[in-house]
Protein backbone atom coordinates (compact mmCIF):
# COMPACT_ATOMS: atom_id res chain seq x y z
CA UNK A 1 0.37 0.43 0.28
CA UNK A 2 1.54 2.79 -1.08
CA UNK A 3 1.48 6.08 0.78
CA UNK A 4 -1.35 8.87 -0.16
CA UNK A 5 1.71 11.51 -1.28
CA UNK A 6 -1.21 13.84 -2.57
CA UNK A 7 -2.44 14.19 0.63
CA UNK A 8 1.03 14.66 2.06
CA UNK A 9 1.94 18.30 -0.51
CA UNK A 10 0.33 21.47 1.22
CA UNK A 11 -3.21 22.01 -0.37
CA UNK A 12 -2.31 25.88 -1.12
CA UNK A 13 0.07 24.63 -3.59
CA UNK A 14 -2.63 22.60 -5.86
CA UNK A 15 -4.15 23.74 -8.95
CA UNK A 16 -7.42 24.91 -10.19
CA UNK A 17 -10.57 23.91 -8.05
CA UNK A 18 -8.51 21.77 -5.34
CA UNK A 19 -7.30 25.13 -3.65
CA UNK A 20 -10.70 26.51 -3.56
CA UNK A 21 -11.32 23.00 -1.54
CA UNK A 22 -8.82 24.14 1.32
CA UNK A 23 -11.52 26.72 2.68
CA UNK A 24 -14.63 24.43 2.52
CA UNK A 25 -13.58 20.48 2.03
CA UNK A 26 -10.96 20.80 5.01
CA UNK A 27 -13.59 22.11 6.91
CA UNK A 28 -16.37 19.82 6.18
CA UNK A 29 -14.63 16.45 5.03
CA UNK A 30 -11.01 16.75 6.29
CA UNK A 31 -11.70 15.99 9.92
CA UNK A 32 -13.78 12.52 8.78
CA UNK A 33 -10.83 11.52 6.07
CA UNK A 34 -8.48 11.67 8.56
CA UNK A 35 -10.53 9.83 11.02
CA UNK A 36 -10.91 6.83 8.63
CA UNK A 37 -7.09 7.12 7.97
CA UNK A 38 -6.47 6.72 11.69
CA UNK A 39 -8.58 4.04 11.91
CA UNK A 40 -7.37 2.24 9.02
CA UNK A 41 -3.94 2.27 10.35
CA UNK A 42 -4.56 2.48 13.96
CA UNK A 43 -7.06 -0.66 14.56
CA UNK A 44 -4.91 -3.15 12.52
CA UNK A 45 -1.79 -1.92 14.59
CA UNK A 46 -3.54 -2.53 17.64
CA UNK A 47 -3.91 -6.08 16.58
CA UNK A 48 -0.42 -6.48 15.76
CA UNK A 49 1.25 -4.61 19.36
CA UNK A 50 -0.92 -7.02 20.90
CA UNK A 51 -0.17 -10.10 19.16
CA UNK A 52 3.36 -9.39 19.52
CA UNK A 53 3.25 -9.08 23.39
CA UNK A 54 0.82 -12.24 23.89
CA UNK A 55 3.86 -14.70 23.33
CA UNK A 56 5.31 -13.92 26.72
CA UNK A 57 2.20 -14.32 28.04
CA UNK A 58 1.30 -17.43 26.80
CA UNK A 59 4.96 -18.60 27.71
CA UNK A 60 4.11 -17.95 31.24
CA UNK A 61 0.81 -19.87 31.69
CA UNK A 62 2.41 -22.75 30.32
CA UNK A 63 5.30 -22.46 32.51
CA UNK A 64 2.44 -21.62 35.71
CA UNK A 65 1.17 -25.38 35.05
CA UNK A 66 4.24 -26.84 35.83
CA UNK A 67 3.92 -25.70 39.22
CA UNK A 68 4.62 -22.62 41.73
CA UNK A 69 8.11 -22.37 41.53
CA UNK A 70 7.93 -22.50 37.92
CA UNK A 71 5.30 -19.73 37.84
CA UNK A 72 7.35 -17.25 40.34
CA UNK A 73 10.62 -18.07 38.05
CA UNK A 74 9.19 -17.28 34.79
CA UNK A 75 7.24 -13.86 36.34
CA UNK A 76 10.23 -12.55 37.95
CA UNK A 77 12.26 -13.31 34.90
CA UNK A 78 9.58 -11.88 32.38
CA UNK A 79 9.01 -8.78 34.86
CA UNK A 80 13.30 -8.19 34.72
CA UNK A 81 13.48 -8.68 31.16
CA UNK A 82 10.98 -6.30 30.52
CA UNK A 83 12.33 -3.89 32.30
CA UNK A 84 16.57 -4.40 31.41
CA UNK A 85 16.01 -5.43 27.83
CA UNK A 86 12.20 -5.39 25.76
CA UNK A 87 11.08 -2.27 26.80
CA UNK A 88 14.99 -0.74 26.16
CA UNK A 89 14.80 -2.20 22.66
CA UNK A 90 10.78 -1.09 22.44
CA UNK A 91 12.16 2.52 23.08
CA UNK A 92 15.00 2.66 21.10
CA UNK A 93 13.43 1.29 18.35
CA UNK A 94 10.97 4.44 18.73
CA UNK A 95 13.78 6.40 16.95
CA UNK A 96 12.89 5.03 13.57
CA UNK A 97 9.24 6.76 13.78
CA UNK A 98 10.96 9.78 13.82
CA UNK A 99 13.79 9.10 11.38
CA UNK A 100 11.82 6.87 8.96
CA UNK A 101 8.57 7.98 8.92
CA UNK A 102 9.80 11.42 7.91
CA UNK A 103 12.34 10.51 5.57
CA UNK A 104 9.44 8.13 3.93
CA UNK A 105 7.24 11.69 3.61
CA UNK A 106 9.94 13.30 2.19
CA UNK A 107 10.51 10.32 -0.43
CA UNK A 108 14.11 10.10 0.37
CA UNK A 109 13.55 6.59 -0.09
CA UNK A 110 16.59 4.84 0.12
CA UNK A 111 17.40 6.08 3.36
CA UNK A 112 14.71 3.91 4.79
CA UNK A 113 16.87 1.00 4.37
CA UNK A 114 19.89 2.75 5.59
CA UNK A 115 18.00 3.97 8.94
CA UNK A 116 17.02 0.43 9.55
CA UNK A 117 19.89 -1.15 8.87
CA UNK A 118 21.24 1.45 11.36
CA UNK A 119 18.79 0.58 13.98
CA UNK A 120 19.27 -3.29 13.55
CA UNK A 121 23.12 -2.78 14.31
CA UNK A 122 22.68 -0.64 17.10
CA UNK A 123 20.15 -2.82 19.01
CA UNK A 124 21.90 -5.84 18.02
CA UNK A 125 25.09 -4.26 20.23
CA UNK A 126 23.14 -3.62 22.85
CA UNK A 127 21.65 -6.80 23.18
CA UNK A 128 25.52 -7.97 24.32
CA UNK A 129 25.43 -6.56 27.64
CA UNK A 130 21.82 -7.19 28.37
CA UNK A 131 22.51 -10.94 27.96
CA UNK A 132 25.27 -11.12 30.10
CA UNK A 133 23.00 -9.39 32.94
CA UNK A 134 20.24 -11.70 32.14
CA UNK A 135 22.92 -15.05 32.44
CA UNK A 136 23.41 -13.65 35.79
CA UNK A 137 20.07 -12.64 37.00
CA UNK A 138 20.12 -14.79 39.95
CA UNK A 139 22.74 -12.87 41.28
CA UNK A 140 21.08 -10.03 40.70
CA UNK A 141 17.84 -11.19 42.34
CA UNK A 142 19.05 -12.78 45.24
CA UNK A 143 21.29 -9.16 46.02
CA UNK A 144 17.92 -7.67 46.30
CA UNK A 145 16.52 -10.25 48.69
CA UNK A 146 14.92 -12.57 46.45
CA UNK A 147 14.13 -16.20 47.51
CA UNK A 148 17.20 -18.55 45.97
CA UNK A 149 15.45 -20.97 44.36
CA UNK A 150 13.11 -18.81 42.76
CA UNK A 151 16.24 -16.22 41.79
CA UNK A 152 17.96 -19.61 39.90
CA UNK A 153 14.44 -21.07 38.24
CA UNK A 154 14.60 -17.05 36.91
CA UNK A 155 17.85 -17.08 35.76
CA UNK A 156 17.28 -20.23 33.79
CA UNK A 157 14.28 -19.08 32.13
CA UNK A 158 16.11 -15.50 31.07
CA UNK A 159 18.98 -17.31 29.70
CA UNK A 160 17.02 -19.03 27.49
CA UNK A 161 15.16 -15.82 26.37
CA UNK A 162 18.32 -14.33 24.74
CA UNK A 163 17.51 -15.45 21.58
CA UNK A 164 14.17 -14.00 21.97
CA UNK A 165 16.10 -10.30 22.69
CA UNK A 166 18.09 -10.64 19.45
CA UNK A 167 15.05 -11.48 17.58
CA UNK A 168 12.97 -8.85 18.94
CA UNK A 169 15.81 -6.09 18.29
CA UNK A 170 15.55 -7.35 14.88
CA UNK A 171 11.71 -7.19 14.47
CA UNK A 172 10.98 -3.88 15.88
CA UNK A 173 13.38 -2.33 13.50
CA UNK A 174 11.38 -4.08 11.08
CA UNK A 175 8.11 -3.05 12.53
CA UNK A 176 8.80 0.51 12.38
CA UNK A 177 9.98 0.33 8.94
CA UNK A 178 6.66 -1.05 7.35
CA UNK A 179 5.29 1.23 9.81
CA UNK A 180 6.17 4.44 8.54
CA UNK A 181 4.97 3.25 4.43
CA UNK A 182 1.65 2.27 6.27
CA UNK A 183 2.02 -1.59 5.36
CA UNK A 184 0.14 -2.50 8.19
CA UNK A 185 -1.29 -5.84 6.32
CA UNK A 186 2.00 -8.12 6.08
CA UNK A 187 2.74 -6.63 9.88
CA UNK A 188 -1.15 -8.24 10.72
CA UNK A 189 -1.26 -11.15 8.57
CA UNK A 190 2.59 -12.31 10.23
CA UNK A 191 1.94 -11.46 13.84
CA UNK A 192 -1.44 -12.87 14.08
CA UNK A 193 -0.24 -16.22 12.17
CA UNK A 194 2.84 -16.69 14.46
CA UNK A 195 1.12 -16.10 17.56
CA UNK A 196 -1.16 -19.29 16.38
CA UNK A 197 1.91 -21.25 15.72
CA UNK A 198 3.56 -20.15 19.28
CA UNK A 199 0.54 -21.76 21.38
CA UNK A 200 1.24 -25.59 19.75
CA UNK A 201 5.17 -24.79 19.64
CA UNK A 202 5.34 -23.93 23.26
CA UNK A 203 3.23 -26.34 24.37
CA UNK A 204 5.02 -29.08 22.69
CA UNK A 205 8.24 -27.81 23.79
CA UNK A 206 7.35 -27.65 27.39
CA UNK A 207 5.14 -30.64 27.51
CA UNK A 208 6.14 -33.06 24.89
CA UNK A 209 9.92 -32.35 25.00
CA UNK A 210 9.77 -31.95 28.70
CA UNK A 211 11.91 -29.13 28.35
CA UNK A 212 9.84 -27.01 31.56
CA UNK A 213 10.58 -23.25 31.34
CA UNK A 214 13.59 -23.44 29.37
CA UNK A 215 11.10 -24.98 26.49
CA UNK A 216 8.76 -21.82 27.19
CA UNK A 217 11.65 -19.34 26.99
CA UNK A 218 12.46 -20.89 23.63
CA UNK A 219 9.01 -20.80 22.51
CA UNK A 220 9.32 -17.13 22.14
CA UNK A 221 12.55 -16.44 20.63
CA UNK A 222 11.22 -19.02 17.85
CA UNK A 223 8.11 -17.08 17.28
CA UNK A 224 10.13 -13.72 17.22
CA UNK A 225 12.34 -14.88 15.08
CA UNK A 226 9.68 -16.79 12.71
CA UNK A 227 8.14 -13.02 12.47
CA UNK A 228 11.26 -11.58 11.54
CA UNK A 229 11.31 -14.09 8.60
CA UNK A 230 7.92 -13.64 7.46
CA UNK A 231 8.09 -9.99 7.46
CA UNK A 232 11.97 -10.18 5.48
CA UNK A 233 10.56 -12.50 2.68
CA UNK A 234 7.78 -9.93 2.19
CA UNK A 235 10.22 -7.18 2.13
CA UNK A 236 12.74 -9.14 -0.48
CA UNK A 237 10.09 -10.13 -2.51
CA UNK A 238 6.91 -8.25 -2.24
CA UNK A 239 6.54 -4.93 -4.78
CA UNK A 240 4.75 -2.48 -2.28
CA UNK A 241 8.63 -2.34 -0.91
CA UNK A 242 10.38 -1.85 -4.32
CA UNK A 243 11.22 1.49 -3.42
CA UNK A 244 12.28 0.92 0.19
CA UNK A 245 13.75 -2.25 -0.26
CA UNK A 246 16.43 -2.89 2.53
CA UNK A 247 20.07 -3.14 0.92
CA UNK A 248 23.08 -3.06 3.27
CA UNK A 249 25.73 -0.60 2.60
CA UNK A 250 28.37 1.21 5.03
CA UNK A 251 26.06 4.16 4.96
CA UNK A 252 24.24 2.52 7.69
CA UNK A 253 26.95 3.13 10.15
CA UNK A 254 27.15 6.99 9.16
CA UNK A 255 23.69 7.34 10.72
CA UNK A 256 24.50 5.46 14.45
CA UNK A 257 25.26 8.52 15.82
CA UNK A 258 21.96 10.25 14.15
CA UNK A 259 19.91 7.18 15.53
CA UNK A 260 21.61 7.09 19.12
CA UNK A 261 20.79 10.86 19.48
CA UNK A 262 17.14 10.02 19.28
CA UNK A 263 16.87 6.27 20.71
CA UNK A 264 18.20 7.35 24.08
CA UNK A 265 15.91 9.63 24.97
CA UNK A 266 13.34 7.46 23.40
CA UNK A 267 14.02 4.70 25.50
CA UNK A 268 14.57 7.10 28.58
CA UNK A 269 10.74 8.49 27.53
CA UNK A 270 9.45 4.87 27.97
CA UNK A 271 11.19 2.99 30.33
CA UNK A 272 11.30 5.71 33.13
CA UNK A 273 7.39 5.24 32.82
CA UNK A 274 7.30 1.51 33.02
CA UNK A 275 9.71 1.10 35.63
CA UNK A 276 7.83 3.50 37.79
CA UNK A 277 4.69 1.04 37.66
CA UNK A 278 7.39 -1.96 38.85
CA UNK A 279 8.39 0.21 41.46
CA UNK A 280 5.07 0.31 42.95
CA UNK A 281 5.07 -3.75 43.40
CA UNK A 282 8.30 -3.46 45.24
CA UNK A 283 6.84 -0.63 47.63
CA UNK A 284 3.88 -3.11 48.22
CA UNK A 285 6.01 -5.19 49.37
CA UNK A 286 6.79 -3.05 52.38
CA UNK A 287 3.32 -3.09 53.57
CA UNK A 288 2.16 -5.37 56.70
CA UNK A 289 0.25 -7.49 54.38
CA UNK A 290 2.82 -7.78 51.89
CA UNK A 291 1.04 -10.36 49.87
CA UNK A 292 -1.78 -9.24 49.63
CA UNK A 293 -1.03 -5.83 48.62
CA UNK A 294 1.55 -7.00 46.02
CA UNK A 295 -0.76 -9.46 44.59
CA UNK A 296 -3.75 -6.50 43.72
CA UNK A 297 -0.86 -4.14 42.68
CA UNK A 298 0.34 -6.38 40.13
CA UNK A 299 -3.32 -7.32 39.10
CA UNK A 300 -3.73 -3.75 38.60
CA UNK A 301 -0.94 -3.48 36.35
CA UNK A 302 -1.25 -6.38 34.08
CA UNK A 303 -4.73 -5.11 33.69
CA UNK A 304 -3.88 -1.68 32.68
CA UNK A 305 -1.26 -2.84 30.73
CA UNK A 306 -2.86 -5.23 28.42
CA UNK A 307 -5.35 -2.51 28.22
CA UNK A 308 -2.54 0.03 27.34
CA UNK A 309 -1.64 -1.77 23.82
CA UNK A 310 -5.07 -0.52 22.40
CA UNK A 311 -3.97 3.48 22.76
CA UNK A 312 -0.60 2.59 21.89
CA UNK A 313 -1.72 0.72 18.45
CA UNK A 314 -3.48 4.08 18.00
CA UNK A 315 -0.51 6.41 19.08
CA UNK A 316 1.43 3.95 16.19
CA UNK A 317 -0.77 5.42 13.92
CA UNK A 318 -0.37 9.07 14.96
CA UNK A 319 3.27 8.93 15.15
CA UNK A 320 3.27 8.17 11.46
CA UNK A 321 0.83 10.18 10.11
CA UNK A 322 2.68 13.13 11.96
CA UNK A 323 5.95 12.34 10.75
CA UNK A 324 4.90 11.26 7.11
CA UNK A 325 3.66 14.82 6.87
CA UNK A 326 6.15 16.64 8.60
CA UNK A 327 8.63 15.10 6.30
CA UNK A 328 6.46 16.04 3.58
CA UNK A 329 6.56 19.49 4.50
CA UNK A 330 3.03 19.45 5.16
CA UNK A 331 2.58 21.36 8.57
CA UNK A 332 -1.47 22.07 8.28
CA UNK A 333 -1.34 18.23 7.53
CA UNK A 334 -0.28 16.84 10.99
CA UNK A 335 -3.17 19.00 12.92
CA UNK A 336 -6.38 17.67 11.19
CA UNK A 337 -4.23 14.10 12.04
CA UNK A 338 -3.44 14.75 15.68
CA UNK A 339 -6.73 15.94 16.37
CA UNK A 340 -8.49 13.02 14.64
CA UNK A 341 -6.12 10.91 17.05
CA UNK A 342 -7.01 12.87 20.16
CA UNK A 343 -10.88 12.09 19.54
CA UNK A 344 -10.20 8.13 18.72
CA UNK A 345 -8.20 7.84 21.89
CA UNK A 346 -11.13 9.62 23.75
CA UNK A 347 -13.60 7.53 22.47
CA UNK A 348 -11.63 4.48 23.26
CA UNK A 349 -10.74 5.58 26.86
CA UNK A 350 -14.64 5.81 27.61
CA UNK A 351 -15.13 2.61 26.14
CA UNK A 352 -12.53 0.56 27.87
CA UNK A 353 -12.95 2.62 31.32
CA UNK A 354 -16.59 1.80 31.30
CA UNK A 355 -16.77 -1.72 30.06
CA UNK A 356 -13.99 -2.20 33.19
CA UNK A 357 -15.77 -0.55 35.56
CA UNK A 358 -19.25 -3.04 34.84
CA UNK A 359 -16.81 -5.64 35.19
CA UNK A 360 -15.32 -4.53 38.60
CA UNK A 361 -17.33 -7.46 40.71
CA UNK A 362 -16.04 -10.33 38.28
CA UNK A 363 -12.43 -8.93 37.16
CA UNK A 364 -10.84 -10.48 40.54
CA UNK A 365 -11.80 -14.14 39.64
CA UNK A 366 -10.22 -13.55 36.65
CA UNK A 367 -6.73 -13.49 38.50
CA UNK A 368 -7.47 -15.16 42.00
CA UNK A 369 -10.36 -17.28 43.65
CA UNK A 370 -9.87 -15.21 47.17
CA UNK A 371 -12.41 -13.27 48.53
CA UNK A 372 -10.15 -10.92 49.82
CA UNK A 373 -8.12 -10.01 46.52
CA UNK A 374 -11.50 -10.33 44.68
CA UNK A 375 -13.05 -7.79 46.99
CA UNK A 376 -9.33 -5.66 47.09
CA UNK A 377 -9.69 -5.48 43.10
CA UNK A 378 -13.13 -4.22 43.12
CA UNK A 379 -11.87 -1.58 45.37
CA UNK A 380 -9.30 -0.84 43.01
CA UNK A 381 -11.49 -0.59 39.81
CA UNK A 382 -12.88 3.07 40.00
CA UNK A 383 -9.02 4.34 40.24
CA UNK A 384 -7.93 1.88 37.38
CA UNK A 385 -10.54 2.90 35.06
CA UNK A 386 -9.58 6.65 35.31
CA UNK A 387 -5.84 5.76 34.65
CA UNK A 388 -7.12 3.99 31.79
CA UNK A 389 -8.48 6.91 30.64
CA UNK A 390 -5.34 9.36 30.96
CA UNK A 391 -3.59 6.37 29.55
CA UNK A 392 -4.84 6.40 26.47
CA UNK A 393 -4.15 9.96 26.39
CA UNK A 394 -0.71 9.53 26.61
CA UNK A 395 -0.48 6.70 24.06
CA UNK A 396 -1.52 9.34 21.72
CA UNK A 397 0.30 12.32 22.47
CA UNK A 398 3.70 10.21 22.77
CA UNK A 399 2.84 8.93 19.38
CA UNK A 400 2.97 12.39 18.33
CA UNK A 401 5.91 13.32 20.34
CA UNK A 402 7.72 10.15 18.62
CA UNK A 403 6.55 11.49 15.10
CA UNK A 404 7.64 14.91 15.85
CA UNK A 405 10.83 13.95 17.16
CA UNK A 406 10.45 15.36 20.67
CA UNK A 407 11.99 12.30 22.48
CA UNK A 408 14.05 14.02 24.59
CA UNK A 409 11.23 16.46 25.85
CA UNK A 410 9.32 13.07 26.24
CA UNK A 411 12.06 11.97 28.61
CA UNK A 412 12.49 15.07 30.89
CA UNK A 413 8.47 14.91 30.95
CA UNK A 414 8.42 11.49 32.38
CA UNK A 415 11.28 12.09 35.02
CA UNK A 416 9.29 15.25 36.28
CA UNK A 417 5.78 13.61 36.33
CA UNK A 418 6.81 10.10 37.43
CA UNK A 419 10.08 10.91 39.68
CA UNK A 420 9.50 14.25 40.89
CA UNK A 421 5.79 14.18 41.45
CA UNK A 422 4.30 10.80 40.99
CA UNK A 423 6.37 8.46 43.08
CA UNK A 424 6.99 10.61 45.95
CA UNK A 425 3.32 11.19 46.37
CA UNK A 426 2.64 7.54 46.17
CA UNK A 427 4.91 6.77 48.92
CA UNK A 428 3.53 9.64 50.94
CA UNK A 429 -0.42 8.40 50.54
CA UNK A 430 0.57 4.67 50.71
CA UNK A 431 2.89 4.98 53.96
CA UNK A 432 2.15 8.13 55.75
CA UNK A 433 -1.31 8.73 54.87
CA UNK A 434 -2.12 4.55 55.63
CA UNK A 435 -3.80 4.13 52.30
CA UNK A 436 -1.56 1.25 51.13
CA UNK A 437 -2.08 0.39 47.51
CA UNK A 438 -4.93 2.90 46.94
CA UNK A 439 -2.22 5.64 47.93
CA UNK A 440 0.54 3.87 45.78
CA UNK A 441 -2.00 3.94 42.73
CA UNK A 442 -3.68 7.40 43.19
CA UNK A 443 -0.01 8.78 43.43
CA UNK A 444 1.19 6.99 40.27
CA UNK A 445 -2.02 7.96 38.17
CA UNK A 446 -1.19 11.61 39.53
CA UNK A 447 1.74 11.47 37.64
CA UNK A 448 0.44 9.77 34.50
CA UNK A 449 -1.94 13.06 34.91
CA UNK A 450 0.56 15.47 34.79
CA UNK A 451 2.41 13.48 31.88
CA UNK A 452 -0.74 13.73 30.16
CA UNK A 453 -1.16 17.36 30.92
CA UNK A 454 2.39 18.43 30.06
CA UNK A 455 2.44 16.43 26.69
CA UNK A 456 -1.06 18.07 25.77
CA UNK A 457 0.52 21.54 26.21
CA UNK A 458 3.31 21.42 24.41
CA UNK A 459 1.31 20.06 21.79
CA UNK A 460 -0.83 22.42 21.44
CA UNK A 461 1.35 25.20 22.01
CA UNK A 462 3.74 23.81 19.07
CA UNK A 463 4.41 26.04 16.02
CA UNK A 464 3.78 23.05 13.24
CA UNK A 465 5.70 25.33 10.78
CA UNK A 466 8.65 25.19 12.32
CA UNK A 467 8.46 21.46 13.08
CA UNK A 468 8.03 20.74 9.16
CA UNK A 469 11.12 23.31 8.48
CA UNK A 470 13.39 21.55 11.26
CA UNK A 471 12.29 18.33 9.73
CA UNK A 472 13.03 18.84 6.14
CA UNK A 473 16.42 20.48 6.80
CA UNK A 474 17.36 17.32 8.69
CA UNK A 475 16.35 15.06 6.14
CA UNK A 476 18.32 17.09 3.30
CA UNK A 477 20.90 18.58 5.12
CA UNK A 478 23.80 16.32 3.00
CA UNK A 479 21.67 17.87 -0.30
CA UNK A 480 22.92 20.84 -1.92
CA UNK A 481 19.29 22.61 -1.72
CA UNK A 482 16.25 21.43 -0.44
CA UNK A 483 13.52 22.73 -3.40
CA UNK A 484 16.21 20.80 -6.17
CA UNK A 485 16.11 17.50 -4.17
CA UNK A 486 12.73 17.32 -2.98
CA UNK A 487 10.01 19.28 -3.24
CA UNK A 488 7.52 18.79 -6.65
CA UNK A 489 8.19 20.79 -9.78
CA UNK A 490 4.53 22.11 -9.43
CA UNK A 491 5.18 23.53 -6.25
CA UNK A 492 8.24 25.34 -6.95
CA UNK A 493 6.64 26.93 -10.23
CA UNK A 494 3.75 27.98 -7.56
CA UNK A 495 5.67 29.44 -5.25
CA UNK A 496 7.59 31.33 -7.76
CA UNK A 497 4.14 32.68 -9.85
CA UNK A 498 3.00 33.75 -5.90
CA UNK A 499 6.37 35.74 -5.31
CA UNK A 500 5.96 37.19 -8.75
């Protein structure tokens, strides 16, 4: 599916009656058209994101049927691996949403391959020290006070998860390559097919080949690499990738500094937020009834994380639309894309919060049969419903930040919202005011609300024309002139006519 570049060129430069449509058509039909495009990209991206997340969930569930020790080891290893590995790679790959998205909008197709190879090389090197950390995970867990047996099981699981780490690095790079071109269908088919294959593969490795939790971890790596193979074959043989097909060249190494300049704050932007929620579980273990508090907060985090992937897909679509249009120099085109994404995010937030609130009496039973846990979860659901609403706005606005190249600003926003306000307030309410788990969640929810407000203010106050100019200046900084290499001829002629 080729990008609709006619839509990316500023409407004022179009000839004939098309210029007349700028005043009427934009007001009446542009928003509806933007909403359709956002849904067409966002909804499949939701499925893609969830399908790529579920192999870890399936493997943990399979490990849980091996016994309590295996479940605890797999759960702790997964949490540790997410914070130190998968979340880091996912965040760093977000740099490609800026680089590839804006480059594709500017029709500099050859650079997409260079940036993608640059990301694959950079993320692969990042995987090396992470792998070493995972091998010695048991020592780290024992050092922070975890049970030795559980720590050993977690280290066994994480060591077998290392192939998945390298596969994930390549997969996320390819996902951004396809996403920037709005080629969502191949990712949708590939991710759903791999998920369907993962379930029997994991079952065979765990129970039939008696590999236990090692088999559960190996199955994740197999699924990620299978996804990479599928997407790689599509990229190699499909005519849709003819202009952007990845070809390795030494030029990829030249972009590493540029990639890392966006990748590091992009990773901080995501990891700071993710780690703050993991810190809640740690703090809950300091309460008198630590087992109950930790269990309930884990349920809350699992629930909100699972639902968060829905607005995250909308945010990915927003990033694509914004980056493509800024790269094309279409500053005015970015605004309706953002507005339609916010409307879609608000609608999703209302729907998700309402459904969760209506299920408050039975939600706890999905995780536990203990009445105490079920009742506690019921009390937490109103707070969760509000969190889901705010998270939806954050996901969309974070997509705007990635598409615009504001990852450094996003990192500062998340640092201030969560670690200057959210976590200290959570500790104050939880321990000083004796609100315990509710206090912790109110504190982190306050941080999320501040995060959304900061992003909203930045988005509303942005001069999008300047953003478009910066994007094109970065893309064409190696060229002698911007006009000769990027702008369509009729645009140049029109501007000369207007000047005369």
